[in-house]
Protein backbone atom coordinates (compact mmCIF):
# COMPACT_ATOMS: atom_id res chain seq x y z
CA MET A 1 75.94 109.18 129.64
CA PRO A 2 73.21 111.92 129.69
CA THR A 3 74.41 115.36 130.54
CA THR A 4 70.98 116.73 131.67
CA ASN A 5 68.42 115.58 134.23
CA LEU A 6 64.74 116.32 134.87
CA SER A 7 65.55 119.38 136.94
CA ASN A 8 67.67 120.95 134.16
CA LEU A 9 64.83 120.25 131.58
CA ALA A 10 62.32 121.80 133.91
CA ASP A 11 64.37 124.85 134.25
CA ALA A 12 65.05 125.21 130.61
CA CYS A 13 61.41 124.67 129.71
CA GLN A 14 60.24 127.21 132.13
CA GLU A 15 62.65 129.86 130.79
CA THR A 16 61.31 129.59 127.15
CA ALA A 17 58.14 131.04 125.76
CA ASP A 18 58.86 129.59 122.30
CA THR A 19 57.30 126.34 121.28
CA ARG A 20 60.14 125.70 118.82
CA VAL A 21 62.77 126.01 121.49
CA LEU A 22 60.67 123.80 123.78
CA TRP A 23 60.54 121.10 121.06
CA GLN A 24 64.31 121.34 120.71
CA LEU A 25 64.91 121.04 124.48
CA THR A 26 62.68 118.05 124.60
CA ARG A 27 64.18 116.43 121.52
CA ALA A 28 67.73 116.85 122.98
CA TYR A 29 66.75 115.41 126.34
CA LEU A 30 65.24 112.30 124.77
CA PHE A 31 67.94 111.81 122.27
CA GLU A 32 70.47 111.59 125.11
CA ARG A 33 68.35 108.57 126.29
CA ASP A 34 68.51 106.79 123.02
CA VAL A 35 65.13 107.86 121.89
CA ARG A 36 65.49 108.22 117.99
CA ARG A 37 61.88 108.88 117.01
CA PHE A 38 59.36 111.06 118.82
CA SER A 39 55.77 111.79 117.97
CA TYR A 40 53.21 114.19 119.70
CA HIS A 41 49.59 114.00 118.85
CA VAL A 42 47.06 116.32 120.33
CA VAL A 43 43.33 116.09 119.70
CA ASP A 44 42.50 119.80 119.30
CA VAL A 45 39.11 120.31 121.08
CA ILE A 46 39.33 123.92 120.05
CA HIS A 47 38.99 123.48 116.39
CA GLY A 48 37.07 120.22 116.43
CA PRO A 49 37.37 116.64 117.57
CA ALA A 50 38.61 115.56 114.19
CA THR A 51 41.60 117.93 114.19
CA VAL A 52 44.81 116.28 115.36
CA PHE A 53 48.16 118.26 115.80
CA VAL A 54 50.96 115.98 114.96
CA ARG A 55 54.67 116.70 115.52
CA ALA A 56 57.13 114.08 114.49
CA GLU A 57 60.89 113.69 114.70
CA GLY A 58 62.90 110.81 113.28
CA PHE A 59 60.11 109.35 111.01
CA PRO A 60 60.46 109.61 107.26
CA GLU A 61 58.60 112.73 105.85
CA ASP A 62 56.64 110.62 103.54
CA TRP A 63 55.26 108.45 106.34
CA VAL A 64 54.24 111.54 108.35
CA ARG A 65 52.62 112.99 105.36
CA HIS A 66 50.75 109.60 104.62
CA TYR A 67 49.71 109.41 108.34
CA ILE A 68 48.07 112.76 108.11
CA GLU A 69 46.66 112.75 104.63
CA ALA A 70 45.28 109.21 104.97
CA SER A 71 43.82 109.98 108.40
CA LEU A 72 45.53 106.93 109.87
CA PHE A 73 45.18 108.58 113.34
CA GLU A 74 41.60 107.44 113.07
CA VAL A 75 42.51 103.66 112.85
CA ASP A 76 45.86 103.81 114.76
CA PRO A 77 45.06 101.98 118.00
CA ILE A 78 48.08 102.97 119.87
CA PRO A 79 47.05 106.49 120.90
CA ALA A 80 43.55 105.46 121.70
CA LEU A 81 44.83 102.68 123.97
CA SER A 82 47.32 104.95 125.67
CA ALA A 83 44.51 107.33 126.78
CA ARG A 84 42.91 104.41 128.66
CA ARG A 85 46.07 103.19 130.36
CA VAL A 86 47.92 104.63 133.22
CA GLN A 87 51.22 102.87 132.49
CA PRO A 88 53.17 103.30 129.22
CA PHE A 89 53.40 100.26 126.90
CA PHE A 90 55.49 99.11 123.91
CA TRP A 91 53.89 99.64 120.48
CA LYS A 92 54.19 96.04 119.44
CA ASP A 93 52.34 94.88 122.52
CA VAL A 94 49.13 96.66 121.48
CA GLY A 95 47.67 93.44 120.04
CA LEU A 96 48.21 91.83 123.34
CA LEU A 97 46.52 94.50 125.34
CA LYS A 98 43.27 94.82 123.35
CA ASP A 99 41.28 93.10 120.61
CA LEU A 100 42.13 94.90 117.31
CA THR A 101 39.62 95.66 114.62
CA VAL A 102 40.28 94.57 111.07
CA GLN A 103 41.35 98.19 110.30
CA GLU A 104 43.50 98.38 113.33
CA LYS A 105 45.27 95.11 112.38
CA SER A 106 45.85 96.50 108.77
CA TYR A 107 47.41 99.60 110.38
CA MET A 108 49.76 97.60 112.59
CA ALA A 109 50.72 95.45 109.74
CA GLU A 110 51.66 98.62 107.63
CA LEU A 111 53.60 99.88 110.70
CA GLU A 112 55.51 96.55 110.97
CA THR A 113 56.35 96.86 107.25
CA ALA A 114 57.61 100.40 107.68
CA ASP A 115 60.19 98.82 110.10
CA PHE A 116 60.48 101.56 112.70
CA GLY A 117 61.45 99.23 115.43
CA ASP A 118 59.60 99.47 118.76
CA GLY A 119 58.75 102.27 120.97
CA LEU A 120 56.84 103.37 124.12
CA ALA A 121 53.36 104.77 123.98
CA MET A 122 52.18 107.05 126.75
CA GLN A 123 49.45 109.64 127.56
CA VAL A 124 50.32 113.09 128.96
CA TYR A 125 47.65 115.41 130.62
CA GLY A 126 46.97 119.09 130.46
CA PRO A 127 44.39 121.53 131.63
CA ASN A 128 40.79 121.60 130.16
CA MET A 129 41.37 118.23 128.64
CA ARG A 130 44.26 119.24 126.55
CA ASN A 131 45.84 115.74 126.67
CA ALA A 132 48.24 114.19 124.25
CA TYR A 133 49.70 110.95 123.10
CA VAL A 134 53.45 110.74 122.99
CA GLY A 135 55.24 107.99 121.20
CA LEU A 136 59.06 107.33 121.85
CA GLY A 137 60.70 105.13 119.27
CA PHE A 138 64.00 103.22 119.57
CA ASP A 139 66.13 101.79 116.84
CA GLY A 140 66.78 98.07 116.62
CA ARG A 141 65.49 95.81 119.32
CA ARG A 142 63.31 96.75 122.23
CA PRO A 143 65.29 98.51 124.79
CA ASP A 144 65.67 96.92 128.29
CA LEU A 145 64.39 99.89 130.24
CA SER A 146 63.70 99.71 134.04
CA ASP A 147 60.43 101.07 135.53
CA ALA A 148 62.40 103.89 136.91
CA GLN A 149 63.84 104.86 133.30
CA ILE A 150 60.32 104.61 131.88
CA PHE A 151 58.96 106.82 134.58
CA GLU A 152 61.66 109.46 133.93
CA LEU A 153 60.80 109.52 130.21
CA LYS A 154 57.18 109.91 130.93
CA SER A 155 57.89 112.61 133.49
CA ALA A 156 60.01 114.47 130.90
CA VAL A 157 57.41 114.63 128.18
CA GLN A 158 54.70 115.38 130.76
CA LEU A 159 56.44 118.61 131.87
CA ALA A 160 57.12 119.62 128.39
CA HIS A 161 53.44 119.11 127.51
CA LEU A 162 52.37 121.30 130.39
CA ARG A 163 54.76 123.91 129.36
CA PHE A 164 53.32 123.82 125.81
CA CYS A 165 49.88 124.26 127.21
CA GLU A 166 51.07 127.33 129.23
CA ILE A 167 52.76 128.98 126.22
CA THR A 168 49.67 128.34 123.98
CA ALA A 169 47.13 129.19 126.53
CA HIS A 170 46.14 132.48 124.80
CA GLU A 171 45.23 130.60 121.85
CA THR A 172 42.52 128.79 123.58
CA ALA A 173 41.24 131.84 125.59
CA ALA A 174 40.32 133.90 122.51
CA ASP A 175 38.38 131.12 120.91
CA ARG A 176 36.29 130.29 123.91
CA ASP A 177 35.38 133.66 125.26
CA LEU A 178 31.83 133.31 126.21
CA SER A 179 29.90 136.13 128.10
CA PRO A 180 28.81 135.40 131.55
CA ARG A 181 25.21 135.06 130.39
CA GLU A 182 26.33 132.56 127.57
CA GLU A 183 28.07 130.54 130.09
CA GLU A 184 25.10 130.58 132.38
CA ILE A 185 22.83 129.38 129.43
CA LEU A 186 25.46 126.74 128.50
CA GLY A 187 25.25 125.30 132.10
CA TRP A 188 21.41 124.99 131.86
CA ILE A 189 21.71 123.30 128.44
CA ALA A 190 24.09 120.82 130.14
CA ARG A 191 21.29 120.22 132.64
CA GLY A 192 18.94 119.19 129.91
CA LYS A 193 16.77 122.41 129.97
CA SER A 194 15.05 123.59 126.78
CA ASN A 195 15.35 127.08 125.51
CA GLY A 196 11.82 127.81 126.66
CA VAL A 197 12.53 126.61 130.18
CA ILE A 198 15.85 128.53 130.35
CA ALA A 199 14.01 131.66 129.31
CA ASP A 200 11.51 131.15 132.21
CA ILE A 201 14.34 130.45 134.66
CA LEU A 202 16.28 133.60 133.61
CA GLY A 203 13.26 135.85 133.27
CA VAL A 204 14.01 136.79 129.58
CA SER A 205 12.42 136.09 126.27
CA ARG A 206 12.64 132.94 124.34
CA HIS A 207 14.10 134.99 121.41
CA THR A 208 16.98 136.19 123.68
CA VAL A 209 17.80 132.58 124.79
CA ASP A 210 17.69 131.44 121.06
CA THR A 211 20.09 134.28 120.11
CA ASN A 212 22.45 133.40 122.78
CA VAL A 213 22.46 129.60 121.98
CA ARG A 214 23.38 130.55 118.39
CA ARG A 215 26.18 132.69 119.63
CA ILE A 216 27.34 129.85 121.95
CA PHE A 217 27.42 127.39 118.92
CA ASP A 218 29.26 129.94 116.74
CA LYS A 219 31.86 130.49 119.39
CA LEU A 220 32.43 126.87 120.17
CA SER A 221 32.25 125.79 116.47
CA VAL A 222 29.64 123.26 117.07
CA ALA A 223 26.07 122.63 115.50
CA ASP A 224 24.10 120.92 118.28
CA ARG A 225 23.44 121.12 121.99
CA THR A 226 25.39 117.86 122.90
CA SER A 227 28.47 119.04 121.21
CA ALA A 228 28.13 122.36 122.80
CA VAL A 229 28.00 120.66 126.31
CA LEU A 230 31.09 118.40 125.55
CA ARG A 231 33.12 121.43 124.45
CA GLY A 232 32.00 123.35 127.52
CA LEU A 233 33.14 120.64 129.72
CA GLY A 234 36.43 120.34 127.92
CA TYR A 235 37.03 124.17 128.34
CA GLY A 236 36.05 124.06 132.10
CA MET A 237 33.02 126.36 131.47
CA ILE A 238 30.75 123.96 133.19
CA ARG A 239 31.57 121.11 135.58
CA MET A 240 29.96 117.86 136.77
CA THR A 241 28.82 117.75 140.35
CA ARG A 242 29.35 114.58 142.37
CA HIS A 243 25.69 113.59 141.60
CA GLY A 244 26.59 113.57 137.90
CA ARG A 245 24.71 116.85 137.14
CA ALA A 246 26.34 119.69 135.26
CA GLU A 247 26.28 123.32 136.43
CA PRO A 248 27.92 126.49 135.36
CA THR A 249 31.36 127.35 136.80
């Protein structure tokens, strides 16, 4: 029988400011509920959309290394499907829930050969689009979990993810530190205005706007206006109005 409940986990997570301790607390909570494998994937919008943070427990080290080095996260259909579904689902049901591409079928066949058993896939949500995929693996046959038990597992990893976002918030703040003028210009870029038009709106020279746009690109680690807007939306620097127009925050 589990010795901790969600309230205990929430208190313990709140008391720590160390991500390693947070990981240990979450692992212990899940282990008490027969979770034997745990993976945590975060698409890192800070350093680029292709960067994926992977933390795994209970999977063979060579598999984790292969998953990262072979960029299997690019063809793994499970995290992508979890991002589009509200309810968790079992890994082996992914082929029943979506039409798989040839590459995705190949990945699922490789996963089946690895014989990790079945597990739950779920999405957790954080501020400024810092969302994550969580996989919870069980040995042997698929566990007979009630809806309440699945909801409890999702609640546990959700609160752990939120605490992770809080602990690491300073890492995002330093990388996205735009000046008020740069944020203003980014907002006008999001509304489709050219540098020349933005210069007229702000009453400054075109050269000044060009310089600010280059600084925005550098700070957001992007090379084009569309990527800058997407990154700005992700960081909460600009927001969409109810009419679908973007404006500065």
